[in-house]
Amino acid sequence: MIANGAFHLTLQQCGNKVVCMLDEGALVSSHRPSVDVMFRSAAQLKNVPISVALLTGMGSDGADGLGLLKKHGCYTVVQDEASSIVWGMPKVAFEQNAHVEVLPLDKIAYSLLAHVGRFNS
């Protein structure tokens, strides 16, 4: 799901399911939607394997949330500089050591899916 430009995207646990919710909350780091809001909500999920990537983009949105997910034992990836159009958001996450791996764009999807066991390595 991609968040509408006027809403934060959050993940919530409803029984044994995870659902996407839209929230008109305040701007975070001058953004709505904010990647940090989505990542922080994901960090609250229990018994859900989480693999997440922070891709090319300007600014620092997502770096703090990615670090929180890493602290919770989630698999976190940042896009490498060479394959990024703008190595802003991934760079900040890299500098904060919020990543488990740094990968080129064409390797990220496979790595995320392999980590949660959907593909055999």
C-alpha atoms as a PDB file:
ATOM      1  CA  MET A   1       0.000   0.000   0.000  1.00  0.00           C
ATOM      2  CA  ILE A   2       1.198   3.505  -0.737  1.00  0.00           C
ATOM      3  CA  ALA A   3       0.059   6.277   1.560  1.00  0.00           C
ATOM      4  CA  ASN A   4      -2.059   9.086   0.159  1.00  0.00           C
ATOM      5  CA  GLY A   5      -0.192  12.394   0.193  1.00  0.00           C
ATOM      6  CA  ALA A   6      -2.310  13.763   3.041  1.00  0.00           C
ATOM      7  CA  PHE A   7      -2.143  10.773   5.413  1.00  0.00           C
ATOM      8  CA  HIS A   8       0.404   8.832   7.444  1.00  0.00           C
ATOM      9  CA  LEU A   9       0.364   5.088   6.793  1.00  0.00           C
ATOM     10  CA  THR A  10       0.441   2.985   9.951  1.00  0.00           C
ATOM     11  CA  LEU A  11       0.373  -0.736  10.613  1.00  0.00           C
ATOM     12  CA  GLN A  12      -1.797  -2.164  13.363  1.00  0.00           C
ATOM     13  CA  GLN A  13      -2.311  -5.628  14.720  1.00  0.00           C
ATOM     14  CA  CYS A  14      -5.888  -6.889  14.690  1.00  0.00           C
ATOM     15  CA  GLY A  15      -5.892 -10.390  16.104  1.00  0.00           C
ATOM     16  CA  ASN A  16      -3.677 -12.482  13.876  1.00  0.00           C
ATOM     17  CA  LYS A  17      -3.721  -9.952  11.037  1.00  0.00           C
ATOM     18  CA  VAL A  18      -1.809  -6.782  10.311  1.00  0.00           C
ATOM     19  CA  VAL A  19      -3.848  -4.012   8.732  1.00  0.00           C
ATOM     20  CA  CYS A  20      -2.881  -0.742   7.091  1.00  0.00           C
ATOM     21  CA  MET A  21      -4.468   2.384   8.487  1.00  0.00           C
ATOM     22  CA  LEU A  22      -4.387   5.983   7.292  1.00  0.00           C
ATOM     23  CA  ASP A  23      -3.942   8.750   9.842  1.00  0.00           C
ATOM     24  CA  GLU A  24      -4.303  12.524   9.373  1.00  0.00           C
ATOM     25  CA  GLY A  25      -1.961  13.200  12.295  1.00  0.00           C
ATOM     26  CA  ALA A  26       0.414  16.130  12.515  1.00  0.00           C
ATOM     27  CA  LEU A  27       3.344  16.548  10.161  1.00  0.00           C
ATOM     28  CA  VAL A  28       6.463  14.684  11.261  1.00  0.00           C
ATOM     29  CA  SER A  29       9.773  16.168  10.119  1.00  0.00           C
ATOM     30  CA  SER A  30       7.646  18.365   7.836  1.00  0.00           C
ATOM     31  CA  HIS A  31       6.126  15.270   6.178  1.00  0.00           C
ATOM     32  CA  ARG A  32       2.778  13.575   5.869  1.00  0.00           C
ATOM     33  CA  PRO A  33       3.104  10.791   5.067  1.00  0.00           C
ATOM     34  CA  SER A  34       6.220  10.182   7.120  1.00  0.00           C
ATOM     35  CA  VAL A  35       8.282   7.023   6.798  1.00  0.00           C
ATOM     36  CA  ASP A  36       9.235   7.338  10.479  1.00  0.00           C
ATOM     37  CA  VAL A  37       5.557   7.136  11.488  1.00  0.00           C
ATOM     38  CA  MET A  38       5.091   3.950   9.463  1.00  0.00           C
ATOM     39  CA  PHE A  39       8.313   2.371  10.764  1.00  0.00           C
ATOM     40  CA  ARG A  40       7.461   3.250  14.390  1.00  0.00           C
ATOM     41  CA  SER A  41       4.056   1.616  14.019  1.00  0.00           C
ATOM     42  CA  ALA A  42       5.696  -1.495  12.552  1.00  0.00           C
ATOM     43  CA  ALA A  43       8.014  -1.669  15.570  1.00  0.00           C
ATOM     44  CA  GLN A  44       4.937  -2.119  17.791  1.00  0.00           C
ATOM     45  CA  LEU A  45       3.843  -5.323  16.034  1.00  0.00           C
ATOM     46  CA  LYS A  46       4.323  -8.546  17.976  1.00  0.00           C
ATOM     47  CA  ASN A  47       5.392 -11.902  16.520  1.00  0.00           C
ATOM     48  CA  VAL A  48       5.496 -10.544  12.976  1.00  0.00           C
ATOM     49  CA  PRO A  49       8.642 -11.052  10.898  1.00  0.00           C
ATOM     50  CA  ILE A  50       9.602  -7.637   9.601  1.00  0.00           C
ATOM     51  CA  SER A  51      12.004  -6.895   6.781  1.00  0.00           C
ATOM     52  CA  VAL A  52      12.179  -3.299   5.629  1.00  0.00           C
ATOM     53  CA  ALA A  53      14.191  -1.094   3.289  1.00  0.00           C
ATOM     54  CA  LEU A  54      14.805   2.620   3.142  1.00  0.00           C
ATOM     55  CA  LEU A  55      15.220   3.732  -0.456  1.00  0.00           C
ATOM     56  CA  THR A  56      16.483   6.815  -2.247  1.00  0.00           C
ATOM     57  CA  GLY A  57      15.104  10.158  -1.121  1.00  0.00           C
ATOM     58  CA  MET A  58      16.002  13.572   0.247  1.00  0.00           C
ATOM     59  CA  GLY A  59      16.219  14.405   3.912  1.00  0.00           C
ATOM     60  CA  SER A  60      16.305  12.193   6.973  1.00  0.00           C
ATOM     61  CA  ASP A  61      12.746  10.842   7.211  1.00  0.00           C
ATOM     62  CA  GLY A  62      12.818   7.135   7.995  1.00  0.00           C
ATOM     63  CA  ALA A  63      16.278   6.934   9.580  1.00  0.00           C
ATOM     64  CA  ASP A  64      15.069   7.056  13.202  1.00  0.00           C
ATOM     65  CA  GLY A  65      12.271   4.574  12.572  1.00  0.00           C
ATOM     66  CA  LEU A  66      14.630   2.228  10.756  1.00  0.00           C
ATOM     67  CA  GLY A  67      16.967   2.327  13.740  1.00  0.00           C
ATOM     68  CA  LEU A  68      14.078   1.490  16.066  1.00  0.00           C
ATOM     69  CA  LEU A  69      13.160  -1.503  13.898  1.00  0.00           C
ATOM     70  CA  LYS A  70      16.769  -2.699  13.935  1.00  0.00           C
ATOM     71  CA  LYS A  71      16.803  -2.427  17.746  1.00  0.00           C
ATOM     72  CA  HIS A  72      13.690  -4.634  17.783  1.00  0.00           C
ATOM     73  CA  GLY A  73      15.563  -7.301  15.812  1.00  0.00           C
ATOM     74  CA  CYS A  74      14.065  -6.553  12.399  1.00  0.00           C
ATOM     75  CA  TYR A  75      16.012  -6.963   9.182  1.00  0.00           C
ATOM     76  CA  THR A  76      16.778  -3.459   7.882  1.00  0.00           C
ATOM     77  CA  VAL A  77      18.312  -2.500   4.553  1.00  0.00           C
ATOM     78  CA  VAL A  78      19.389   0.818   3.100  1.00  0.00           C
ATOM     79  CA  GLN A  79      19.812   1.388  -0.598  1.00  0.00           C
ATOM     80  CA  ASP A  80      23.430   1.916  -1.605  1.00  0.00           C
ATOM     81  CA  GLU A  81      24.713   5.228  -2.876  1.00  0.00           C
ATOM     82  CA  ALA A  82      25.556   3.965  -6.368  1.00  0.00           C
ATOM     83  CA  SER A  83      21.978   2.927  -7.195  1.00  0.00           C
ATOM     84  CA  SER A  84      20.277   5.872  -5.433  1.00  0.00           C
ATOM     85  CA  ILE A  85      19.094   8.916  -7.317  1.00  0.00           C
ATOM     86  CA  VAL A  86      19.456  10.905  -4.091  1.00  0.00           C
ATOM     87  CA  TRP A  87      21.429   9.259  -1.281  1.00  0.00           C
ATOM     88  CA  GLY A  88      19.857  11.371   1.445  1.00  0.00           C
ATOM     89  CA  MET A  89      17.475   9.249   3.501  1.00  0.00           C
ATOM     90  CA  PRO A  90      19.533   6.050   3.152  1.00  0.00           C
ATOM     91  CA  LYS A  91      22.732   7.977   3.924  1.00  0.00           C
ATOM     92  CA  VAL A  92      21.362   9.337   7.197  1.00  0.00           C
ATOM     93  CA  ALA A  93      20.211   5.834   8.201  1.00  0.00           C
ATOM     94  CA  PHE A  94      23.633   4.468   7.223  1.00  0.00           C
ATOM     95  CA  GLU A  95      25.396   7.117   9.313  1.00  0.00           C
ATOM     96  CA  GLN A  96      23.148   6.230  12.286  1.00  0.00           C
ATOM     97  CA  ASN A  97      23.948   2.526  11.830  1.00  0.00           C
ATOM     98  CA  ALA A  98      20.228   1.819  11.453  1.00  0.00           C
ATOM     99  CA  HIS A  99      20.871  -0.860   8.832  1.00  0.00           C
ATOM    100  CA  VAL A 100      21.753  -4.523   8.821  1.00  0.00           C
ATOM    101  CA  GLU A 101      22.738  -4.394   5.146  1.00  0.00           C
ATOM    102  CA  VAL A 102      23.453  -1.908   2.367  1.00  0.00           C
ATOM    103  CA  LEU A 103      22.330  -3.181  -1.039  1.00  0.00           C
ATOM    104  CA  PRO A 104      21.824  -1.952  -4.596  1.00  0.00           C
ATOM    105  CA  LEU A 105      18.221  -1.431  -5.633  1.00  0.00           C
ATOM    106  CA  ASP A 106      18.102  -4.557  -7.801  1.00  0.00           C
ATOM    107  CA  LYS A 107      19.015  -6.813  -4.833  1.00  0.00           C
ATOM    108  CA  ILE A 108      16.712  -5.357  -2.181  1.00  0.00           C
ATOM    109  CA  ALA A 109      13.392  -7.079  -2.932  1.00  0.00           C
ATOM    110  CA  TYR A 110      14.949 -10.539  -3.112  1.00  0.00           C
ATOM    111  CA  SER A 111      16.852  -9.954   0.108  1.00  0.00           C
ATOM    112  CA  LEU A 112      13.765  -8.766   1.993  1.00  0.00           C
ATOM    113  CA  LEU A 113      11.675 -11.704   0.847  1.00  0.00           C
ATOM    114  CA  ALA A 114      14.457 -14.224   1.457  1.00  0.00           C
ATOM    115  CA  HIS A 115      14.884 -12.933   4.982  1.00  0.00           C
ATOM    116  CA  VAL A 116      11.286 -13.656   5.923  1.00  0.00           C
ATOM    117  CA  GLY A 117      11.493 -17.094   4.328  1.00  0.00           C
ATOM    118  CA  ARG A 118       9.397 -16.542   1.222  1.00  0.00           C
ATOM    119  CA  PHE A 119      12.287 -17.528  -1.025  1.00  0.00           C
ATOM    120  CA  ASN A 120      14.935 -20.144  -0.458  1.00  0.00           C
ATOM    121  CA  SER A 121      18.408 -18.658  -0.668  1.00  0.00           C
END
